[in-house]
Amino acid sequence: METLDQNTNDLLINDDGFLTDINAWDEKVAHELARHQGLDDLDSEQIEIIKTLRNHYLKYDSFPILASICKKVGSQTRDCVSRKFDNPMTAWKIAGLPKPPNVFFTSFDGKKYIPNPFY
């Protein structure tokens, strides 16, 4: 467990980097989680993506098809999540969501991550 100091509130994240309390999330928390993930700042498209990921999870309790997230945020490409975050799991962590079971991404070059169905 690790604690991130977010002004007067402490955020607990587990050893894998996931926020332990989904209800502790807000946009300020997202920016702190982004810094913890190595991102300096989030742009408006990234914020829209993580909010859409959260809404999907809260409605369906599952990891979405990423192309559908891109469509919902009005992206012209099907890979907006990977393009804006490199690893889609980074976006998921910044969205303050729990570790999804049986969802894994693999990279062959350390830059582009693709779903790995063999885990």
PDB file of N, CA and C in Angstrom:
ATOM      1  N   MET A   1       0.843  -1.180   0.000  1.00  0.00           N
ATOM      2  CA  MET A   1       0.000   0.000   0.000  1.00  0.00           C
ATOM      3  C   MET A   1       0.884   1.238   0.000  1.00  0.00           C
ATOM      4  N   GLU A   2       0.448   2.211  -0.724  1.00  0.00           N
ATOM      5  CA  GLU A   2       1.161   3.477  -0.791  1.00  0.00           C
ATOM      6  C   GLU A   2       0.149   4.590  -0.557  1.00  0.00           C
ATOM      7  N   THR A   3       0.591   5.644   0.075  1.00  0.00           N
ATOM      8  CA  THR A   3      -0.268   6.792   0.332  1.00  0.00           C
ATOM      9  C   THR A   3       0.222   7.964  -0.498  1.00  0.00           C
ATOM     10  N   LEU A   4      -0.684   8.567  -1.248  1.00  0.00           N
ATOM     11  CA  LEU A   4      -0.377   9.788  -1.991  1.00  0.00           C
ATOM     12  C   LEU A   4      -1.012  10.939  -1.237  1.00  0.00           C
ATOM     13  N   ASP A   5      -0.241  11.975  -0.993  1.00  0.00           N
ATOM     14  CA  ASP A   5      -0.762  13.143  -0.295  1.00  0.00           C
ATOM     15  C   ASP A   5      -1.451  14.043  -1.303  1.00  0.00           C
ATOM     16  N   GLN A   6      -2.734  14.260  -1.099  1.00  0.00           N
ATOM     17  CA  GLN A   6      -3.508  15.109  -1.999  1.00  0.00           C
ATOM     18  C   GLN A   6      -4.120  16.207  -1.144  1.00  0.00           C
ATOM     19  N   ASN A   7      -3.295  17.255  -0.885  1.00  0.00           N
ATOM     20  CA  ASN A   7      -3.635  18.344   0.033  1.00  0.00           C
ATOM     21  C   ASN A   7      -3.903  17.771   1.416  1.00  0.00           C
ATOM     22  N   THR A   8      -5.106  17.866   1.934  1.00  0.00           N
ATOM     23  CA  THR A   8      -5.379  17.368   3.275  1.00  0.00           C
ATOM     24  C   THR A   8      -5.882  15.933   3.271  1.00  0.00           C
ATOM     25  N   ASN A   9      -6.167  15.386   2.103  1.00  0.00           N
ATOM     26  CA  ASN A   9      -6.678  14.017   2.007  1.00  0.00           C
ATOM     27  C   ASN A   9      -5.573  13.079   1.552  1.00  0.00           C
ATOM     28  N   ASP A  10      -5.459  11.955   2.218  1.00  0.00           N
ATOM     29  CA  ASP A  10      -4.511  10.940   1.793  1.00  0.00           C
ATOM     30  C   ASP A  10      -5.227   9.939   0.906  1.00  0.00           C
ATOM     31  N   LEU A  11      -4.597   9.604  -0.217  1.00  0.00           N
ATOM     32  CA  LEU A  11      -5.148   8.626  -1.140  1.00  0.00           C
ATOM     33  C   LEU A  11      -4.372   7.336  -0.993  1.00  0.00           C
ATOM     34  N   LEU A  12      -5.063   6.253  -0.749  1.00  0.00           N
ATOM     35  CA  LEU A  12      -4.402   4.959  -0.666  1.00  0.00           C
ATOM     36  C   LEU A  12      -4.461   4.272  -2.010  1.00  0.00           C
ATOM     37  N   ILE A  13      -3.312   3.824  -2.471  1.00  0.00           N
ATOM     38  CA  ILE A  13      -3.253   3.016  -3.682  1.00  0.00           C
ATOM     39  C   ILE A  13      -2.579   1.704  -3.326  1.00  0.00           C
ATOM     40  N   ASN A  14      -2.999   0.636  -3.987  1.00  0.00           N
ATOM     41  CA  ASN A  14      -2.422  -0.674  -3.685  1.00  0.00           C
ATOM     42  C   ASN A  14      -1.075  -0.845  -4.396  1.00  0.00           C
ATOM     43  N   ASP A  15      -0.465  -2.001  -4.208  1.00  0.00           N
ATOM     44  CA  ASP A  15       0.865  -2.254  -4.765  1.00  0.00           C
ATOM     45  C   ASP A  15       0.900  -2.230  -6.289  1.00  0.00           C
ATOM     46  N   ASP A  16      -0.251  -2.421  -6.926  1.00  0.00           N
ATOM     47  CA  ASP A  16      -0.328  -2.383  -8.391  1.00  0.00           C
ATOM     48  C   ASP A  16      -0.635  -0.980  -8.917  1.00  0.00           C
ATOM     49  N   GLY A  17      -0.849  -0.006  -8.033  1.00  0.00           N
ATOM     50  CA  GLY A  17      -1.102   1.365  -8.442  1.00  0.00           C
ATOM     51  C   GLY A  17      -2.564   1.733  -8.598  1.00  0.00           C
ATOM     52  N   PHE A  18      -3.474   0.896  -8.101  1.00  0.00           N
ATOM     53  CA  PHE A  18      -4.906   1.163  -8.202  1.00  0.00           C
ATOM     54  C   PHE A  18      -5.417   1.822  -6.925  1.00  0.00           C
ATOM     55  N   LEU A  19      -6.261   2.826  -7.070  1.00  0.00           N
ATOM     56  CA  LEU A  19      -6.875   3.506  -5.943  1.00  0.00           C
ATOM     57  C   LEU A  19      -7.705   2.500  -5.148  1.00  0.00           C
ATOM     58  N   THR A  20      -7.553   2.498  -3.818  1.00  0.00           N
ATOM     59  CA  THR A  20      -8.248   1.487  -3.010  1.00  0.00           C
ATOM     60  C   THR A  20      -9.716   1.829  -2.757  1.00  0.00           C
ATOM     61  N   ASP A  21     -10.073   3.098  -2.821  1.00  0.00           N
ATOM     62  CA  ASP A  21     -11.461   3.515  -2.590  1.00  0.00           C
ATOM     63  C   ASP A  21     -11.971   4.237  -3.834  1.00  0.00           C
ATOM     64  N   ILE A  22     -12.793   3.559  -4.594  1.00  0.00           N
ATOM     65  CA  ILE A  22     -13.321   4.125  -5.843  1.00  0.00           C
ATOM     66  C   ILE A  22     -14.087   5.420  -5.592  1.00  0.00           C
ATOM     67  N   ASN A  23     -14.666   5.568  -4.399  1.00  0.00           N
ATOM     68  CA  ASN A  23     -15.459   6.750  -4.076  1.00  0.00           C
ATOM     69  C   ASN A  23     -14.606   7.958  -3.699  1.00  0.00           C
ATOM     70  N   ALA A  24     -13.308   7.769  -3.537  1.00  0.00           N
ATOM     71  CA  ALA A  24     -12.409   8.884  -3.203  1.00  0.00           C
ATOM     72  C   ALA A  24     -12.008   9.668  -4.444  1.00  0.00           C
ATOM     73  N   TRP A  25     -12.457   9.219  -5.613  1.00  0.00           N
ATOM     74  CA  TRP A  25     -12.024   9.810  -6.878  1.00  0.00           C
ATOM     75  C   TRP A  25     -12.803  11.082  -7.208  1.00  0.00           C
ATOM     76  N   ASP A  26     -12.090  12.057  -7.696  1.00  0.00           N
ATOM     77  CA  ASP A  26     -12.655  13.219  -8.363  1.00  0.00           C
ATOM     78  C   ASP A  26     -11.588  13.702  -9.346  1.00  0.00           C
ATOM     79  N   GLU A  27     -11.845  14.786 -10.039  1.00  0.00           N
ATOM     80  CA  GLU A  27     -10.905  15.225 -11.065  1.00  0.00           C
ATOM     81  C   GLU A  27      -9.542  15.620 -10.475  1.00  0.00           C
ATOM     82  N   LYS A  28      -9.533  16.184  -9.271  1.00  0.00           N
ATOM     83  CA  LYS A  28      -8.257  16.518  -8.609  1.00  0.00           C
ATOM     84  C   LYS A  28      -7.469  15.255  -8.305  1.00  0.00           C
ATOM     85  N   VAL A  29      -8.166  14.229  -7.861  1.00  0.00           N
ATOM     86  CA  VAL A  29      -7.523  12.939  -7.588  1.00  0.00           C
ATOM     87  C   VAL A  29      -6.952  12.374  -8.887  1.00  0.00           C
ATOM     88  N   ALA A  30      -7.680  12.535  -9.984  1.00  0.00           N
ATOM     89  CA  ALA A  30      -7.198  12.047 -11.279  1.00  0.00           C
ATOM     90  C   ALA A  30      -5.864  12.680 -11.628  1.00  0.00           C
ATOM     91  N   HIS A  31      -5.736  13.969 -11.386  1.00  0.00           N
ATOM     92  CA  HIS A  31      -4.474  14.651 -11.687  1.00  0.00           C
ATOM     93  C   HIS A  31      -3.344  14.125 -10.799  1.00  0.00           C
ATOM     94  N   GLU A  32      -3.633  13.828  -9.546  1.00  0.00           N
ATOM     95  CA  GLU A  32      -2.616  13.276  -8.640  1.00  0.00           C
ATOM     96  C   GLU A  32      -2.230  11.863  -9.077  1.00  0.00           C
ATOM     97  N   LEU A  33      -3.217  11.061  -9.452  1.00  0.00           N
ATOM     98  CA  LEU A  33      -2.930   9.707  -9.934  1.00  0.00           C
ATOM     99  C   LEU A  33      -2.128   9.754 -11.236  1.00  0.00           C
ATOM    100  N   ALA A  34      -2.423  10.730 -12.081  1.00  0.00           N
ATOM    101  CA  ALA A  34      -1.671  10.888 -13.334  1.00  0.00           C
ATOM    102  C   ALA A  34      -0.210  11.197 -13.035  1.00  0.00           C
ATOM    103  N   ARG A  35       0.027  12.086 -12.085  1.00  0.00           N
ATOM    104  CA  ARG A  35       1.420  12.391 -11.706  1.00  0.00           C
ATOM    105  C   ARG A  35       2.115  11.142 -11.186  1.00  0.00           C
ATOM    106  N   HIS A  36       1.397  10.365 -10.407  1.00  0.00           N
ATOM    107  CA  HIS A  36       1.967   9.117  -9.880  1.00  0.00           C
ATOM    108  C   HIS A  36       2.289   8.143 -11.008  1.00  0.00           C
ATOM    109  N   GLN A  37       1.543   8.191 -12.098  1.00  0.00           N
ATOM    110  CA  GLN A  37       1.764   7.325 -13.259  1.00  0.00           C
ATOM    111  C   GLN A  37       2.800   7.909 -14.227  1.00  0.00           C
ATOM    112  N   GLY A  38       3.343   9.078 -13.895  1.00  0.00           N
ATOM    113  CA  GLY A  38       4.390   9.662 -14.717  1.00  0.00           C
ATOM    114  C   GLY A  38       3.915  10.655 -15.758  1.00  0.00           C
ATOM    115  N   LEU A  39       2.645  11.047 -15.692  1.00  0.00           N
ATOM    116  CA  LEU A  39       2.116  12.046 -16.621  1.00  0.00           C
ATOM    117  C   LEU A  39       2.123  13.413 -15.928  1.00  0.00           C
ATOM    118  N   ASP A  40       2.660  14.414 -16.588  1.00  0.00           N
ATOM    119  CA  ASP A  40       2.740  15.737 -15.988  1.00  0.00           C
ATOM    120  C   ASP A  40       1.379  16.386 -15.803  1.00  0.00           C
ATOM    121  N   ASP A  41       0.568  16.314 -16.820  1.00  0.00           N
ATOM    122  CA  ASP A  41      -0.738  16.942 -16.756  1.00  0.00           C
ATOM    123  C   ASP A  41      -1.685  16.201 -17.692  1.00  0.00           C
ATOM    124  N   LEU A  42      -2.966  16.359 -17.444  1.00  0.00           N
ATOM    125  CA  LEU A  42      -3.977  15.728 -18.284  1.00  0.00           C
ATOM    126  C   LEU A  42      -4.635  16.796 -19.141  1.00  0.00           C
ATOM    127  N   ASP A  43      -4.770  16.509 -20.443  1.00  0.00           N
ATOM    128  CA  ASP A  43      -5.472  17.454 -21.304  1.00  0.00           C
ATOM    129  C   ASP A  43      -6.969  17.128 -21.298  1.00  0.00           C
ATOM    130  N   SER A  44      -7.752  17.941 -21.972  1.00  0.00           N
ATOM    131  CA  SER A  44      -9.207  17.779 -21.934  1.00  0.00           C
ATOM    132  C   SER A  44      -9.655  16.441 -22.532  1.00  0.00           C
ATOM    133  N   GLU A  45      -8.970  15.954 -23.576  1.00  0.00           N
ATOM    134  CA  GLU A  45      -9.344  14.656 -24.165  1.00  0.00           C
ATOM    135  C   GLU A  45      -9.047  13.519 -23.185  1.00  0.00           C
ATOM    136  N   GLN A  46      -7.931  13.596 -22.484  1.00  0.00           N
ATOM    137  CA  GLN A  46      -7.614  12.569 -21.500  1.00  0.00           C
ATOM    138  C   GLN A  46      -8.639  12.559 -20.366  1.00  0.00           C
ATOM    139  N   ILE A  47      -9.033  13.731 -19.903  1.00  0.00           N
ATOM    140  CA  ILE A  47     -10.057  13.820 -18.851  1.00  0.00           C
ATOM    141  C   ILE A  47     -11.362  13.206 -19.341  1.00  0.00           C
ATOM    142  N   GLU A  48     -11.742  13.507 -20.564  1.00  0.00           N
ATOM    143  CA  GLU A  48     -12.977  12.953 -21.134  1.00  0.00           C
ATOM    144  C   GLU A  48     -12.896  11.427 -21.232  1.00  0.00           C
ATOM    145  N   ILE A  49     -11.748  10.910 -21.618  1.00  0.00           N
ATOM    146  CA  ILE A  49     -11.563   9.452 -21.713  1.00  0.00           C
ATOM    147  C   ILE A  49     -11.703   8.805 -20.345  1.00  0.00           C
ATOM    148  N   ILE A  50     -11.041   9.352 -19.324  1.00  0.00           N
ATOM    149  CA  ILE A  50     -11.114   8.694 -18.013  1.00  0.00           C
ATOM    150  C   ILE A  50     -12.511   8.823 -17.399  1.00  0.00           C
ATOM    151  N   LYS A  51     -13.193   9.929 -17.638  1.00  0.00           N
ATOM    152  CA  LYS A  51     -14.569  10.039 -17.153  1.00  0.00           C
ATOM    153  C   LYS A  51     -15.473   9.027 -17.853  1.00  0.00           C
ATOM    154  N   THR A  52     -15.251   8.817 -19.143  1.00  0.00           N
ATOM    155  CA  THR A  52     -16.052   7.845 -19.894  1.00  0.00           C
ATOM    156  C   THR A  52     -15.744   6.423 -19.425  1.00  0.00           C
ATOM    157  N   LEU A  53     -14.481   6.141 -19.124  1.00  0.00           N
ATOM    158  CA  LEU A  53     -14.133   4.829 -18.555  1.00  0.00           C
ATOM    159  C   LEU A  53     -14.856   4.616 -17.222  1.00  0.00           C
ATOM    160  N   ARG A  54     -14.828   5.626 -16.373  1.00  0.00           N
ATOM    161  CA  ARG A  54     -15.511   5.527 -15.070  1.00  0.00           C
ATOM    162  C   ARG A  54     -17.012   5.285 -15.247  1.00  0.00           C
ATOM    163  N   ASN A  55     -17.617   6.074 -16.126  1.00  0.00           N
ATOM    164  CA  ASN A  55     -19.060   5.914 -16.341  1.00  0.00           C
ATOM    165  C   ASN A  55     -19.396   4.511 -16.828  1.00  0.00           C
ATOM    166  N   HIS A  56     -18.574   3.988 -17.747  1.00  0.00           N
ATOM    167  CA  HIS A  56     -18.806   2.626 -18.239  1.00  0.00           C
ATOM    168  C   HIS A  56     -18.704   1.633 -17.083  1.00  0.00           C
ATOM    169  N   TYR A  57     -17.643   1.744 -16.289  1.00  0.00           N
ATOM    170  CA  TYR A  57     -17.465   0.801 -15.176  1.00  0.00           C
ATOM    171  C   TYR A  57     -18.626   0.903 -14.181  1.00  0.00           C
ATOM    172  N   LEU A  58     -19.011   2.118 -13.826  1.00  0.00           N
ATOM    173  CA  LEU A  58     -20.078   2.291 -12.843  1.00  0.00           C
ATOM    174  C   LEU A  58     -21.412   1.761 -13.353  1.00  0.00           C
ATOM    175  N   LYS A  59     -21.611   1.812 -14.661  1.00  0.00           N
ATOM    176  CA  LYS A  59     -22.865   1.310 -15.239  1.00  0.00           C
ATOM    177  C   LYS A  59     -22.846  -0.201 -15.458  1.00  0.00           C
ATOM    178  N   TYR A  60     -21.715  -0.739 -15.968  1.00  0.00           N
ATOM    179  CA  TYR A  60     -21.673  -2.147 -16.383  1.00  0.00           C
ATOM    180  C   TYR A  60     -20.774  -3.036 -15.524  1.00  0.00           C
ATOM    181  N   ASP A  61     -19.995  -2.438 -14.605  1.00  0.00           N
ATOM    182  CA  ASP A  61     -19.097  -3.198 -13.738  1.00  0.00           C
ATOM    183  C   ASP A  61     -18.140  -4.072 -14.548  1.00  0.00           C
ATOM    184  N   SER A  62     -17.607  -3.501 -15.640  1.00  0.00           N
ATOM    185  CA  SER A  62     -16.693  -4.267 -16.490  1.00  0.00           C
ATOM    186  C   SER A  62     -15.742  -3.330 -17.227  1.00  0.00           C
ATOM    187  N   PHE A  63     -14.684  -3.910 -17.763  1.00  0.00           N
ATOM    188  CA  PHE A  63     -13.735  -3.185 -18.603  1.00  0.00           C
ATOM    189  C   PHE A  63     -14.346  -3.080 -19.994  1.00  0.00           C
ATOM    190  N   PRO A  64     -14.342  -1.894 -20.603  1.00  0.00           N
ATOM    191  CA  PRO A  64     -15.030  -1.715 -21.889  1.00  0.00           C
ATOM    192  C   PRO A  64     -14.186  -2.137 -23.087  1.00  0.00           C
ATOM    193  N   ILE A  65     -14.843  -2.235 -24.207  1.00  0.00           N
ATOM    194  CA  ILE A  65     -14.140  -2.317 -25.487  1.00  0.00           C
ATOM    195  C   ILE A  65     -13.630  -0.907 -25.745  1.00  0.00           C
ATOM    196  N   LEU A  66     -12.330  -0.767 -25.886  1.00  0.00           N
ATOM    197  CA  LEU A  66     -11.728   0.563 -25.934  1.00  0.00           C
ATOM    198  C   LEU A  66     -12.179   1.383 -27.131  1.00  0.00           C
ATOM    199  N   ALA A  67     -12.442   0.736 -28.253  1.00  0.00           N
ATOM    200  CA  ALA A  67     -12.925   1.469 -29.425  1.00  0.00           C
ATOM    201  C   ALA A  67     -14.264   2.146 -29.133  1.00  0.00           C
ATOM    202  N   SER A  68     -15.080   1.533 -28.276  1.00  0.00           N
ATOM    203  CA  SER A  68     -16.366   2.144 -27.931  1.00  0.00           C
ATOM    204  C   SER A  68     -16.161   3.401 -27.082  1.00  0.00           C
ATOM    205  N   ILE A  69     -15.134   3.408 -26.263  1.00  0.00           N
ATOM    206  CA  ILE A  69     -14.814   4.601 -25.475  1.00  0.00           C
ATOM    207  C   ILE A  69     -14.415   5.733 -26.413  1.00  0.00           C
ATOM    208  N   CYS A  70     -13.590   5.408 -27.404  1.00  0.00           N
ATOM    209  CA  CYS A  70     -13.158   6.415 -28.376  1.00  0.00           C
ATOM    210  C   CYS A  70     -14.348   6.990 -29.137  1.00  0.00           C
ATOM    211  N   LYS A  71     -15.282   6.140 -29.492  1.00  0.00           N
ATOM    212  CA  LYS A  71     -16.475   6.595 -30.202  1.00  0.00           C
ATOM    213  C   LYS A  71     -17.295   7.530 -29.313  1.00  0.00           C
ATOM    214  N   LYS A  72     -17.436   7.177 -28.037  1.00  0.00           N
ATOM    215  CA  LYS A  72     -18.237   7.988 -27.116  1.00  0.00           C
ATOM    216  C   LYS A  72     -17.622   9.361 -26.867  1.00  0.00           C
ATOM    217  N   VAL A  73     -16.293   9.447 -26.908  1.00  0.00           N
ATOM    218  CA  VAL A  73     -15.652  10.758 -26.678  1.00  0.00           C
ATOM    219  C   VAL A  73     -15.498  11.546 -27.972  1.00  0.00           C
ATOM    220  N   GLY A  74     -15.957  10.982 -29.085  1.00  0.00           N
ATOM    221  CA  GLY A  74     -15.933  11.679 -30.368  1.00  0.00           C
ATOM    222  C   GLY A  74     -14.595  11.645 -31.077  1.00  0.00           C
ATOM    223  N   SER A  75     -13.765  10.683 -30.728  1.00  0.00           N
ATOM    224  CA  SER A  75     -12.467  10.564 -31.380  1.00  0.00           C
ATOM    225  C   SER A  75     -12.631  10.039 -32.802  1.00  0.00           C
ATOM    226  N   GLN A  76     -11.770  10.480 -33.675  1.00  0.00           N
ATOM    227  CA  GLN A  76     -11.784  10.025 -35.058  1.00  0.00           C
ATOM    228  C   GLN A  76     -11.047   8.701 -35.222  1.00  0.00           C
ATOM    229  N   THR A  77     -10.331   8.269 -34.187  1.00  0.00           N
ATOM    230  CA  THR A  77      -9.580   7.015 -34.251  1.00  0.00           C
ATOM    231  C   THR A  77     -10.098   6.031 -33.213  1.00  0.00           C
ATOM    232  N   ARG A  78      -9.878   4.756 -33.483  1.00  0.00           N
ATOM    233  CA  ARG A  78     -10.315   3.695 -32.571  1.00  0.00           C
ATOM    234  C   ARG A  78      -9.306   3.427 -31.457  1.00  0.00           C
ATOM    235  N   ASP A  79      -8.134   4.056 -31.552  1.00  0.00           N
ATOM    236  CA  ASP A  79      -7.091   3.787 -30.560  1.00  0.00           C
ATOM    237  C   ASP A  79      -6.786   5.004 -29.682  1.00  0.00           C
ATOM    238  N   CYS A  80      -7.791   5.841 -29.423  1.00  0.00           N
ATOM    239  CA  CYS A  80      -7.560   7.075 -28.679  1.00  0.00           C
ATOM    240  C   CYS A  80      -7.015   6.826 -27.276  1.00  0.00           C
ATOM    241  N   VAL A  81      -7.446   5.750 -26.639  1.00  0.00           N
ATOM    242  CA  VAL A  81      -6.978   5.470 -25.277  1.00  0.00           C
ATOM    243  C   VAL A  81      -5.491   5.135 -25.306  1.00  0.00           C
ATOM    244  N   SER A  82      -5.083   4.268 -26.210  1.00  0.00           N
ATOM    245  CA  SER A  82      -3.659   3.931 -26.334  1.00  0.00           C
ATOM    246  C   SER A  82      -2.843   5.129 -26.804  1.00  0.00           C
ATOM    247  N   ARG A  83      -3.412   5.922 -27.677  1.00  0.00           N
ATOM    248  CA  ARG A  83      -2.697   7.089 -28.194  1.00  0.00           C
ATOM    249  C   ARG A  83      -2.463   8.132 -27.108  1.00  0.00           C
ATOM    250  N   LYS A  84      -3.443   8.325 -26.233  1.00  0.00           N
ATOM    251  CA  LYS A  84      -3.343   9.361 -25.204  1.00  0.00           C
ATOM    252  C   LYS A  84      -2.656   8.884 -23.923  1.00  0.00           C
ATOM    253  N   PHE A  85      -2.655   7.563 -23.667  1.00  0.00           N
ATOM    254  CA  PHE A  85      -2.102   7.048 -22.422  1.00  0.00           C
ATOM    255  C   PHE A  85      -1.026   5.984 -22.610  1.00  0.00           C
ATOM    256  N   ASP A  86      -0.680   5.624 -23.819  1.00  0.00           N
ATOM    257  CA  ASP A  86       0.207   4.498 -24.125  1.00  0.00           C
ATOM    258  C   ASP A  86      -0.429   3.201 -23.663  1.00  0.00           C
ATOM    259  N   ASN A  87      -0.396   2.914 -22.387  1.00  0.00           N
ATOM    260  CA  ASN A  87      -0.991   1.691 -21.854  1.00  0.00           C
ATOM    261  C   ASN A  87      -2.408   2.007 -21.362  1.00  0.00           C
ATOM    262  N   PRO A  88      -3.430   1.357 -21.901  1.00  0.00           N
ATOM    263  CA  PRO A  88      -4.797   1.624 -21.455  1.00  0.00           C
ATOM    264  C   PRO A  88      -5.003   1.394 -19.958  1.00  0.00           C
ATOM    265  N   MET A  89      -4.195   0.525 -19.358  1.00  0.00           N
ATOM    266  CA  MET A  89      -4.334   0.289 -17.926  1.00  0.00           C
ATOM    267  C   MET A  89      -3.948   1.538 -17.133  1.00  0.00           C
ATOM    268  N   THR A  90      -3.099   2.381 -17.697  1.00  0.00           N
ATOM    269  CA  THR A  90      -2.761   3.648 -17.053  1.00  0.00           C
ATOM    270  C   THR A  90      -3.997   4.534 -16.954  1.00  0.00           C
ATOM    271  N   ALA A  91      -4.767   4.605 -18.026  1.00  0.00           N
ATOM    272  CA  ALA A  91      -6.010   5.387 -18.011  1.00  0.00           C
ATOM    273  C   ALA A  91      -6.968   4.827 -16.968  1.00  0.00           C
ATOM    274  N   TRP A  92      -7.037   3.514 -16.885  1.00  0.00           N
ATOM    275  CA  TRP A  92      -7.928   2.849 -15.927  1.00  0.00           C
ATOM    276  C   TRP A  92      -7.528   3.214 -14.496  1.00  0.00           C
ATOM    277  N   LYS A  93      -6.232   3.211 -14.221  1.00  0.00           N
ATOM    278  CA  LYS A  93      -5.741   3.578 -12.882  1.00  0.00           C
ATOM    279  C   LYS A  93      -6.045   5.032 -12.572  1.00  0.00           C
ATOM    280  N   ILE A  94      -5.834   5.917 -13.534  1.00  0.00           N
ATOM    281  CA  ILE A  94      -6.099   7.335 -13.327  1.00  0.00           C
ATOM    282  C   ILE A  94      -7.594   7.578 -13.116  1.00  0.00           C
ATOM    283  N   ALA A  95      -8.420   6.737 -13.704  1.00  0.00           N
ATOM    284  CA  ALA A  95      -9.868   6.835 -13.514  1.00  0.00           C
ATOM    285  C   ALA A  95     -10.285   6.357 -12.121  1.00  0.00           C
ATOM    286  N   GLY A  96      -9.331   5.858 -11.335  1.00  0.00           N
ATOM    287  CA  GLY A  96      -9.613   5.456  -9.962  1.00  0.00           C
ATOM    288  C   GLY A  96     -10.387   4.164  -9.843  1.00  0.00           C
ATOM    289  N   LEU A  97     -10.271   3.309 -10.848  1.00  0.00           N
ATOM    290  CA  LEU A  97     -11.053   2.079 -10.880  1.00  0.00           C
ATOM    291  C   LEU A  97     -10.239   0.892 -10.376  1.00  0.00           C
ATOM    292  N   PRO A  98     -10.921  -0.143  -9.869  1.00  0.00           N
ATOM    293  CA  PRO A  98     -10.201  -1.317  -9.358  1.00  0.00           C
ATOM    294  C   PRO A  98      -9.589  -2.141 -10.484  1.00  0.00           C
ATOM    295  N   LYS A  99      -8.598  -2.932 -10.122  1.00  0.00           N
ATOM    296  CA  LYS A  99      -7.931  -3.780 -11.104  1.00  0.00           C
ATOM    297  C   LYS A  99      -8.942  -4.741 -11.730  1.00  0.00           C
ATOM    298  N   PRO A 100      -9.087  -4.681 -13.052  1.00  0.00           N
ATOM    299  CA  PRO A 100     -10.054  -5.577 -13.696  1.00  0.00           C
ATOM    300  C   PRO A 100      -9.490  -6.995 -13.797  1.00  0.00           C
ATOM    301  N   PRO A 101     -10.322  -7.985 -13.540  1.00  0.00           N
ATOM    302  CA  PRO A 101      -9.834  -9.361 -13.649  1.00  0.00           C
ATOM    303  C   PRO A 101      -9.662  -9.759 -15.118  1.00  0.00           C
ATOM    304  N   ASN A 102      -8.626 -10.488 -15.390  1.00  0.00           N
ATOM    305  CA  ASN A 102      -8.396 -11.072 -16.715  1.00  0.00           C
ATOM    306  C   ASN A 102      -8.293 -10.059 -17.846  1.00  0.00           C
ATOM    307  N   VAL A 103      -7.771  -8.872 -17.553  1.00  0.00           N
ATOM    308  CA  VAL A 103      -7.521  -7.873 -18.581  1.00  0.00           C
ATOM    309  C   VAL A 103      -6.041  -7.541 -18.529  1.00  0.00           C
ATOM    310  N   PHE A 104      -5.329  -7.849 -19.619  1.00  0.00           N
ATOM    311  CA  PHE A 104      -3.892  -7.648 -19.661  1.00  0.00           C
ATOM    312  C   PHE A 104      -3.507  -7.025 -20.996  1.00  0.00           C
ATOM    313  N   PHE A 105      -2.517  -6.173 -20.951  1.00  0.00           N
ATOM    314  CA  PHE A 105      -1.997  -5.550 -22.163  1.00  0.00           C
ATOM    315  C   PHE A 105      -0.527  -5.882 -22.286  1.00  0.00           C
ATOM    316  N   THR A 106      -0.074  -6.089 -23.506  1.00  0.00           N
ATOM    317  CA  THR A 106       1.315  -6.432 -23.787  1.00  0.00           C
ATOM    318  C   THR A 106       1.882  -5.425 -24.772  1.00  0.00           C
ATOM    319  N   SER A 107       3.161  -5.128 -24.594  1.00  0.00           N
ATOM    320  CA  SER A 107       3.849  -4.243 -25.526  1.00  0.00           C
ATOM    321  C   SER A 107       5.099  -4.939 -26.031  1.00  0.00           C
ATOM    322  N   PHE A 108       5.328  -4.834 -27.312  1.00  0.00           N
ATOM    323  CA  PHE A 108       6.539  -5.404 -27.893  1.00  0.00           C
ATOM    324  C   PHE A 108       7.640  -4.364 -28.033  1.00  0.00           C
ATOM    325  N   ASP A 109       7.240  -3.082 -27.978  1.00  0.00           N
ATOM    326  CA  ASP A 109       8.225  -2.019 -28.129  1.00  0.00           C
ATOM    327  C   ASP A 109       8.254  -1.058 -26.940  1.00  0.00           C
ATOM    328  N   GLY A 110       7.412  -1.282 -25.927  1.00  0.00           N
ATOM    329  CA  GLY A 110       7.356  -0.412 -24.771  1.00  0.00           C
ATOM    330  C   GLY A 110       6.602   0.881 -25.019  1.00  0.00           C
ATOM    331  N   LYS A 111       6.013   1.012 -26.198  1.00  0.00           N
ATOM    332  CA  LYS A 111       5.305   2.238 -26.554  1.00  0.00           C
ATOM    333  C   LYS A 111       3.843   1.993 -26.884  1.00  0.00           C
ATOM    334  N   LYS A 112       3.562   0.928 -27.586  1.00  0.00           N
ATOM    335  CA  LYS A 112       2.193   0.629 -27.984  1.00  0.00           C
ATOM    336  C   LYS A 112       1.765  -0.655 -27.278  1.00  0.00           C
ATOM    337  N   TYR A 113       0.649  -0.586 -26.566  1.00  0.00           N
ATOM    338  CA  TYR A 113       0.135  -1.731 -25.825  1.00  0.00           C
ATOM    339  C   TYR A 113      -1.105  -2.273 -26.517  1.00  0.00           C
ATOM    340  N   ILE A 114      -1.188  -3.576 -26.583  1.00  0.00           N
ATOM    341  CA  ILE A 114      -2.332  -4.228 -27.210  1.00  0.00           C
ATOM    342  C   ILE A 114      -2.927  -5.234 -26.223  1.00  0.00           C
ATOM    343  N   PRO A 115      -4.228  -5.505 -26.314  1.00  0.00           N
ATOM    344  CA  PRO A 115      -4.823  -6.512 -25.432  1.00  0.00           C
ATOM    345  C   PRO A 115      -4.180  -7.868 -25.658  1.00  0.00           C
ATOM    346  N   ASN A 116      -3.918  -8.566 -24.572  1.00  0.00           N
ATOM    347  CA  ASN A 116      -3.321  -9.889 -24.658  1.00  0.00           C
ATOM    348  C   ASN A 116      -4.357 -10.922 -24.211  1.00  0.00           C
ATOM    349  N   PRO A 117      -4.930 -11.655 -25.147  1.00  0.00           N
ATOM    350  CA  PRO A 117      -5.985 -12.616 -24.793  1.00  0.00           C
ATOM    351  C   PRO A 117      -5.458 -13.919 -24.220  1.00  0.00           C
ATOM    352  N   PHE A 118      -4.142 -14.081 -24.128  1.00  0.00           N
ATOM    353  CA  PHE A 118      -3.578 -15.359 -23.699  1.00  0.00           C
ATOM    354  C   PHE A 118      -3.267 -15.421 -22.206  1.00  0.00           C
ATOM    355  N   TYR A 119      -3.602 -14.394 -21.447  1.00  0.00           N
ATOM    356  CA  TYR A 119      -3.385 -14.458 -20.003  1.00  0.00           C
ATOM    357  C   TYR A 119      -4.507 -15.185 -19.332  1.00  0.00           C
TER     358      TYR A 119
END
